[in-house]
Amino acid sequence: MDINSFRAELETRLIIEKEYIIQELSMMNEDPEKLELLGKFNEKYKELVRRIANEEGIDLNAFYTHENSSDNLTYEQIILGKTMSVYDKLADELYVEITRTN
């Protein structure tokens, strides 16, 4: 699986997780409890990266080798770097939902 396919799969799954968290939000009354959902979303992001990598047989601790790069980065570092924008966008959308319901 190339990084763009990985990113697309991760985005699809994160959108679903975001929707589940928004549903949880409707059952909460306390603001601190609502903000904890952002931490939960962050954990889901990391969990999904590990799960997709496992499904695709990617060793996140192995060094990423690319003919045009001399960096010694792991697959995990590469994947997190390439997918962080997806997470940031969805986390921002979730934050707006959380603060809107106050």
N, C-alpha and C. Protein backbone atom coordinates (compact mmCIF):
# COMPACT_ATOMS: atom_id res chain seq x y z
N MET A 1 0.86 -1.18 0.00
CA MET A 1 0.00 0.00 0.00
C MET A 1 0.90 1.23 0.00
N ASP A 2 0.68 2.12 -0.94
CA ASP A 2 1.47 3.35 -0.95
C ASP A 2 0.92 4.34 0.07
N ILE A 3 1.68 5.37 0.32
CA ILE A 3 1.33 6.32 1.38
C ILE A 3 0.02 7.05 1.08
N ASN A 4 -0.28 7.32 -0.18
CA ASN A 4 -1.52 8.01 -0.52
C ASN A 4 -2.74 7.12 -0.26
N SER A 5 -2.61 5.84 -0.54
CA SER A 5 -3.69 4.89 -0.24
C SER A 5 -3.86 4.75 1.26
N PHE A 6 -2.75 4.70 1.97
CA PHE A 6 -2.79 4.60 3.43
C PHE A 6 -3.51 5.83 4.00
N ARG A 7 -3.14 6.99 3.49
CA ARG A 7 -3.73 8.25 3.95
C ARG A 7 -5.24 8.27 3.68
N ALA A 8 -5.64 7.84 2.52
CA ALA A 8 -7.07 7.82 2.16
C ALA A 8 -7.84 6.86 3.06
N GLU A 9 -7.28 5.69 3.31
CA GLU A 9 -7.94 4.72 4.19
C GLU A 9 -8.04 5.26 5.61
N LEU A 10 -6.98 5.88 6.07
CA LEU A 10 -6.98 6.46 7.41
C LEU A 10 -8.02 7.57 7.51
N GLU A 11 -8.11 8.42 6.51
CA GLU A 11 -9.08 9.51 6.52
C GLU A 11 -10.50 8.97 6.59
N THR A 12 -10.80 7.95 5.81
CA THR A 12 -12.14 7.35 5.83
C THR A 12 -12.48 6.84 7.22
N ARG A 13 -11.55 6.12 7.82
CA ARG A 13 -11.81 5.55 9.14
C ARG A 13 -11.88 6.63 10.22
N LEU A 14 -11.07 7.67 10.10
CA LEU A 14 -11.12 8.76 11.08
C LEU A 14 -12.43 9.54 10.99
N ILE A 15 -12.95 9.71 9.81
CA ILE A 15 -14.24 10.39 9.65
C ILE A 15 -15.33 9.61 10.38
N ILE A 16 -15.30 8.30 10.26
CA ILE A 16 -16.27 7.45 10.96
C ILE A 16 -16.10 7.60 12.47
N GLU A 17 -14.87 7.58 12.96
CA GLU A 17 -14.62 7.74 14.39
C GLU A 17 -15.07 9.11 14.89
N LYS A 18 -14.85 10.12 14.07
CA LYS A 18 -15.28 11.48 14.44
C LYS A 18 -16.79 11.52 14.61
N GLU A 19 -17.50 10.87 13.72
CA GLU A 19 -18.97 10.85 13.81
C GLU A 19 -19.44 10.12 15.07
N TYR A 20 -18.78 9.02 15.42
CA TYR A 20 -19.11 8.32 16.67
C TYR A 20 -18.89 9.23 17.87
N ILE A 21 -17.80 9.96 17.86
CA ILE A 21 -17.50 10.86 18.98
C ILE A 21 -18.51 11.98 19.05
N ILE A 22 -18.94 12.50 17.92
CA ILE A 22 -19.97 13.55 17.90
C ILE A 22 -21.27 13.01 18.50
N GLN A 23 -21.59 11.76 18.23
CA GLN A 23 -22.77 11.16 18.84
C GLN A 23 -22.62 11.07 20.36
N GLU A 24 -21.42 10.71 20.83
CA GLU A 24 -21.17 10.67 22.28
C GLU A 24 -21.34 12.05 22.89
N LEU A 25 -20.93 13.05 22.16
CA LEU A 25 -20.99 14.43 22.61
C LEU A 25 -22.40 14.83 23.03
N SER A 26 -23.38 14.36 22.31
CA SER A 26 -24.77 14.73 22.60
C SER A 26 -25.25 14.19 23.94
N MET A 27 -24.54 13.21 24.50
CA MET A 27 -24.94 12.63 25.78
C MET A 27 -24.17 13.21 26.97
N MET A 28 -23.32 14.19 26.73
CA MET A 28 -22.48 14.76 27.78
C MET A 28 -22.95 16.14 28.16
N ASN A 29 -22.79 16.44 29.45
CA ASN A 29 -23.20 17.75 29.95
C ASN A 29 -22.03 18.62 30.40
N GLU A 30 -20.97 18.01 30.88
CA GLU A 30 -19.84 18.75 31.44
C GLU A 30 -18.82 19.14 30.36
N ASP A 31 -18.38 20.40 30.39
CA ASP A 31 -17.40 20.87 29.41
C ASP A 31 -16.08 20.13 29.46
N PRO A 32 -15.49 19.91 30.66
CA PRO A 32 -14.21 19.17 30.68
C PRO A 32 -14.35 17.77 30.09
N GLU A 33 -15.48 17.14 30.34
CA GLU A 33 -15.74 15.81 29.80
C GLU A 33 -15.78 15.86 28.27
N LYS A 34 -16.38 16.91 27.74
CA LYS A 34 -16.46 17.06 26.29
C LYS A 34 -15.07 17.26 25.67
N LEU A 35 -14.25 18.06 26.32
CA LEU A 35 -12.91 18.33 25.78
C LEU A 35 -12.04 17.08 25.82
N GLU A 36 -12.31 16.15 26.72
CA GLU A 36 -11.58 14.90 26.77
C GLU A 36 -11.79 14.08 25.50
N LEU A 37 -12.85 14.38 24.78
CA LEU A 37 -13.11 13.68 23.53
C LEU A 37 -12.03 13.96 22.49
N LEU A 38 -11.38 15.12 22.57
CA LEU A 38 -10.28 15.42 21.65
C LEU A 38 -9.11 14.46 21.91
N GLY A 39 -8.85 14.17 23.18
CA GLY A 39 -7.81 13.21 23.52
C GLY A 39 -8.17 11.82 23.03
N LYS A 40 -9.44 11.49 23.16
CA LYS A 40 -9.92 10.19 22.68
C LYS A 40 -9.73 10.09 21.17
N PHE A 41 -10.01 11.16 20.45
CA PHE A 41 -9.84 11.18 19.00
C PHE A 41 -8.37 11.01 18.63
N ASN A 42 -7.48 11.64 19.38
CA ASN A 42 -6.05 11.50 19.15
C ASN A 42 -5.61 10.05 19.33
N GLU A 43 -6.12 9.40 20.36
CA GLU A 43 -5.79 7.99 20.58
C GLU A 43 -6.34 7.11 19.45
N LYS A 44 -7.52 7.44 18.95
CA LYS A 44 -8.09 6.69 17.83
C LYS A 44 -7.21 6.83 16.59
N TYR A 45 -6.67 8.03 16.38
CA TYR A 45 -5.78 8.27 15.25
C TYR A 45 -4.57 7.34 15.33
N LYS A 46 -3.91 7.34 16.48
CA LYS A 46 -2.72 6.49 16.65
C LYS A 46 -3.08 5.01 16.52
N GLU A 47 -4.22 4.63 17.09
CA GLU A 47 -4.67 3.24 17.01
C GLU A 47 -4.94 2.83 15.57
N LEU A 48 -5.58 3.71 14.82
CA LEU A 48 -5.89 3.39 13.42
C LEU A 48 -4.63 3.30 12.56
N VAL A 49 -3.64 4.13 12.83
CA VAL A 49 -2.38 4.04 12.11
C VAL A 49 -1.77 2.66 12.35
N ARG A 50 -1.75 2.23 13.62
CA ARG A 50 -1.19 0.90 13.94
C ARG A 50 -2.01 -0.22 13.30
N ARG A 51 -3.35 -0.08 13.35
CA ARG A 51 -4.22 -1.13 12.81
C ARG A 51 -4.06 -1.27 11.29
N ILE A 52 -4.08 -0.16 10.58
CA ILE A 52 -3.94 -0.21 9.12
C ILE A 52 -2.56 -0.76 8.75
N ALA A 53 -1.53 -0.30 9.46
CA ALA A 53 -0.19 -0.81 9.20
C ALA A 53 -0.13 -2.31 9.41
N ASN A 54 -0.75 -2.78 10.48
CA ASN A 54 -0.78 -4.21 10.76
C ASN A 54 -1.52 -4.97 9.65
N GLU A 55 -2.67 -4.44 9.24
CA GLU A 55 -3.45 -5.06 8.17
C GLU A 55 -2.66 -5.16 6.87
N GLU A 56 -1.81 -4.17 6.64
CA GLU A 56 -1.04 -4.11 5.38
C GLU A 56 0.34 -4.73 5.52
N GLY A 57 0.65 -5.26 6.69
CA GLY A 57 1.95 -5.90 6.89
C GLY A 57 3.11 -4.92 6.96
N ILE A 58 2.85 -3.71 7.42
CA ILE A 58 3.88 -2.69 7.52
C ILE A 58 4.44 -2.69 8.95
N ASP A 59 5.75 -2.84 9.06
CA ASP A 59 6.42 -2.76 10.35
C ASP A 59 6.72 -1.29 10.62
N LEU A 60 5.99 -0.70 11.54
CA LEU A 60 6.14 0.73 11.81
C LEU A 60 7.51 1.10 12.36
N ASN A 61 8.20 0.13 12.94
CA ASN A 61 9.53 0.39 13.51
C ASN A 61 10.66 0.21 12.50
N ALA A 62 10.35 -0.36 11.35
CA ALA A 62 11.37 -0.56 10.32
C ALA A 62 11.71 0.77 9.66
N PHE A 63 12.95 0.87 9.21
CA PHE A 63 13.36 2.10 8.54
C PHE A 63 12.78 2.16 7.14
N TYR A 64 12.30 3.33 6.79
CA TYR A 64 11.74 3.59 5.48
C TYR A 64 12.91 3.81 4.52
N THR A 65 12.93 3.05 3.46
CA THR A 65 14.00 3.22 2.47
C THR A 65 13.40 3.73 1.18
N HIS A 66 13.96 4.80 0.72
CA HIS A 66 13.49 5.42 -0.51
C HIS A 66 14.73 5.86 -1.26
N GLU A 67 14.75 5.61 -2.54
CA GLU A 67 15.95 5.87 -3.33
C GLU A 67 16.38 7.33 -3.33
N ASN A 68 15.46 8.26 -3.13
CA ASN A 68 15.81 9.68 -3.16
C ASN A 68 16.03 10.28 -1.78
N SER A 69 16.12 9.44 -0.75
CA SER A 69 16.22 9.96 0.60
C SER A 69 17.35 9.29 1.36
N SER A 70 18.08 10.10 2.10
CA SER A 70 19.14 9.55 2.94
C SER A 70 18.74 9.65 4.42
N ASP A 71 17.51 10.08 4.69
CA ASP A 71 17.03 10.19 6.06
C ASP A 71 16.84 8.80 6.66
N ASN A 72 17.08 8.69 7.95
CA ASN A 72 16.86 7.43 8.65
C ASN A 72 15.56 7.55 9.45
N LEU A 73 14.47 7.51 8.75
CA LEU A 73 13.16 7.62 9.38
C LEU A 73 12.45 6.28 9.35
N THR A 74 11.64 6.03 10.39
CA THR A 74 10.87 4.80 10.41
C THR A 74 9.59 4.99 9.60
N TYR A 75 8.97 3.88 9.26
CA TYR A 75 7.69 3.95 8.57
C TYR A 75 6.68 4.74 9.41
N GLU A 76 6.72 4.54 10.73
CA GLU A 76 5.79 5.28 11.59
C GLU A 76 5.99 6.78 11.46
N GLN A 77 7.24 7.23 11.46
CA GLN A 77 7.52 8.66 11.33
C GLN A 77 7.05 9.20 9.98
N ILE A 78 7.29 8.43 8.94
CA ILE A 78 6.85 8.85 7.60
C ILE A 78 5.33 8.92 7.54
N ILE A 79 4.67 7.88 8.03
CA ILE A 79 3.20 7.83 7.98
C ILE A 79 2.59 8.94 8.80
N LEU A 80 3.09 9.15 10.02
CA LEU A 80 2.55 10.22 10.85
C LEU A 80 2.77 11.59 10.20
N GLY A 81 3.94 11.77 9.61
CA GLY A 81 4.22 13.04 8.93
C GLY A 81 3.30 13.29 7.74
N LYS A 82 3.01 12.23 7.00
CA LYS A 82 2.19 12.37 5.79
C LYS A 82 0.69 12.40 6.09
N THR A 83 0.28 11.96 7.27
CA THR A 83 -1.15 11.90 7.58
C THR A 83 -1.59 12.91 8.63
N MET A 84 -0.66 13.64 9.21
CA MET A 84 -1.00 14.57 10.28
C MET A 84 -1.99 15.63 9.81
N SER A 85 -1.91 16.05 8.56
CA SER A 85 -2.84 17.08 8.06
C SER A 85 -4.28 16.57 8.07
N VAL A 86 -4.46 15.28 7.80
CA VAL A 86 -5.80 14.68 7.85
C VAL A 86 -6.32 14.74 9.28
N TYR A 87 -5.47 14.31 10.21
CA TYR A 87 -5.85 14.33 11.62
C TYR A 87 -6.17 15.76 12.06
N ASP A 88 -5.30 16.71 11.73
CA ASP A 88 -5.50 18.10 12.15
C ASP A 88 -6.83 18.66 11.66
N LYS A 89 -7.13 18.40 10.41
CA LYS A 89 -8.39 18.91 9.83
C LYS A 89 -9.60 18.34 10.57
N LEU A 90 -9.59 17.04 10.79
CA LEU A 90 -10.73 16.40 11.46
C LEU A 90 -10.80 16.76 12.94
N ALA A 91 -9.66 16.91 13.58
CA ALA A 91 -9.64 17.33 14.99
C ALA A 91 -10.18 18.76 15.12
N ASP A 92 -9.84 19.62 14.17
CA ASP A 92 -10.38 20.99 14.17
C ASP A 92 -11.90 20.97 14.01
N GLU A 93 -12.39 20.13 13.10
CA GLU A 93 -13.84 20.01 12.91
C GLU A 93 -14.51 19.49 14.18
N LEU A 94 -13.88 18.54 14.84
CA LEU A 94 -14.43 18.00 16.08
C LEU A 94 -14.43 19.06 17.16
N TYR A 95 -13.38 19.86 17.25
CA TYR A 95 -13.31 20.94 18.23
C TYR A 95 -14.46 21.93 18.03
N VAL A 96 -14.73 22.26 16.78
CA VAL A 96 -15.84 23.17 16.48
C VAL A 96 -17.16 22.56 16.98
N GLU A 97 -17.36 21.28 16.76
CA GLU A 97 -18.58 20.60 17.24
C GLU A 97 -18.66 20.65 18.76
N ILE A 98 -17.54 20.41 19.41
CA ILE A 98 -17.52 20.38 20.88
C ILE A 98 -17.83 21.77 21.44
N THR A 99 -17.23 22.79 20.89
CA THR A 99 -17.44 24.13 21.42
C THR A 99 -18.80 24.71 21.02
N ARG A 100 -19.37 24.21 19.95
CA ARG A 100 -20.69 24.68 19.51
C ARG A 100 -21.79 24.20 20.46
N THR A 101 -21.60 23.04 21.07
CA THR A 101 -22.65 22.47 21.91
C THR A 101 -22.64 23.01 23.34
N ASN A 102 -21.76 23.96 23.63
CA ASN A 102 -21.74 24.54 25.00
C ASN A 102 -22.88 25.47 25.23
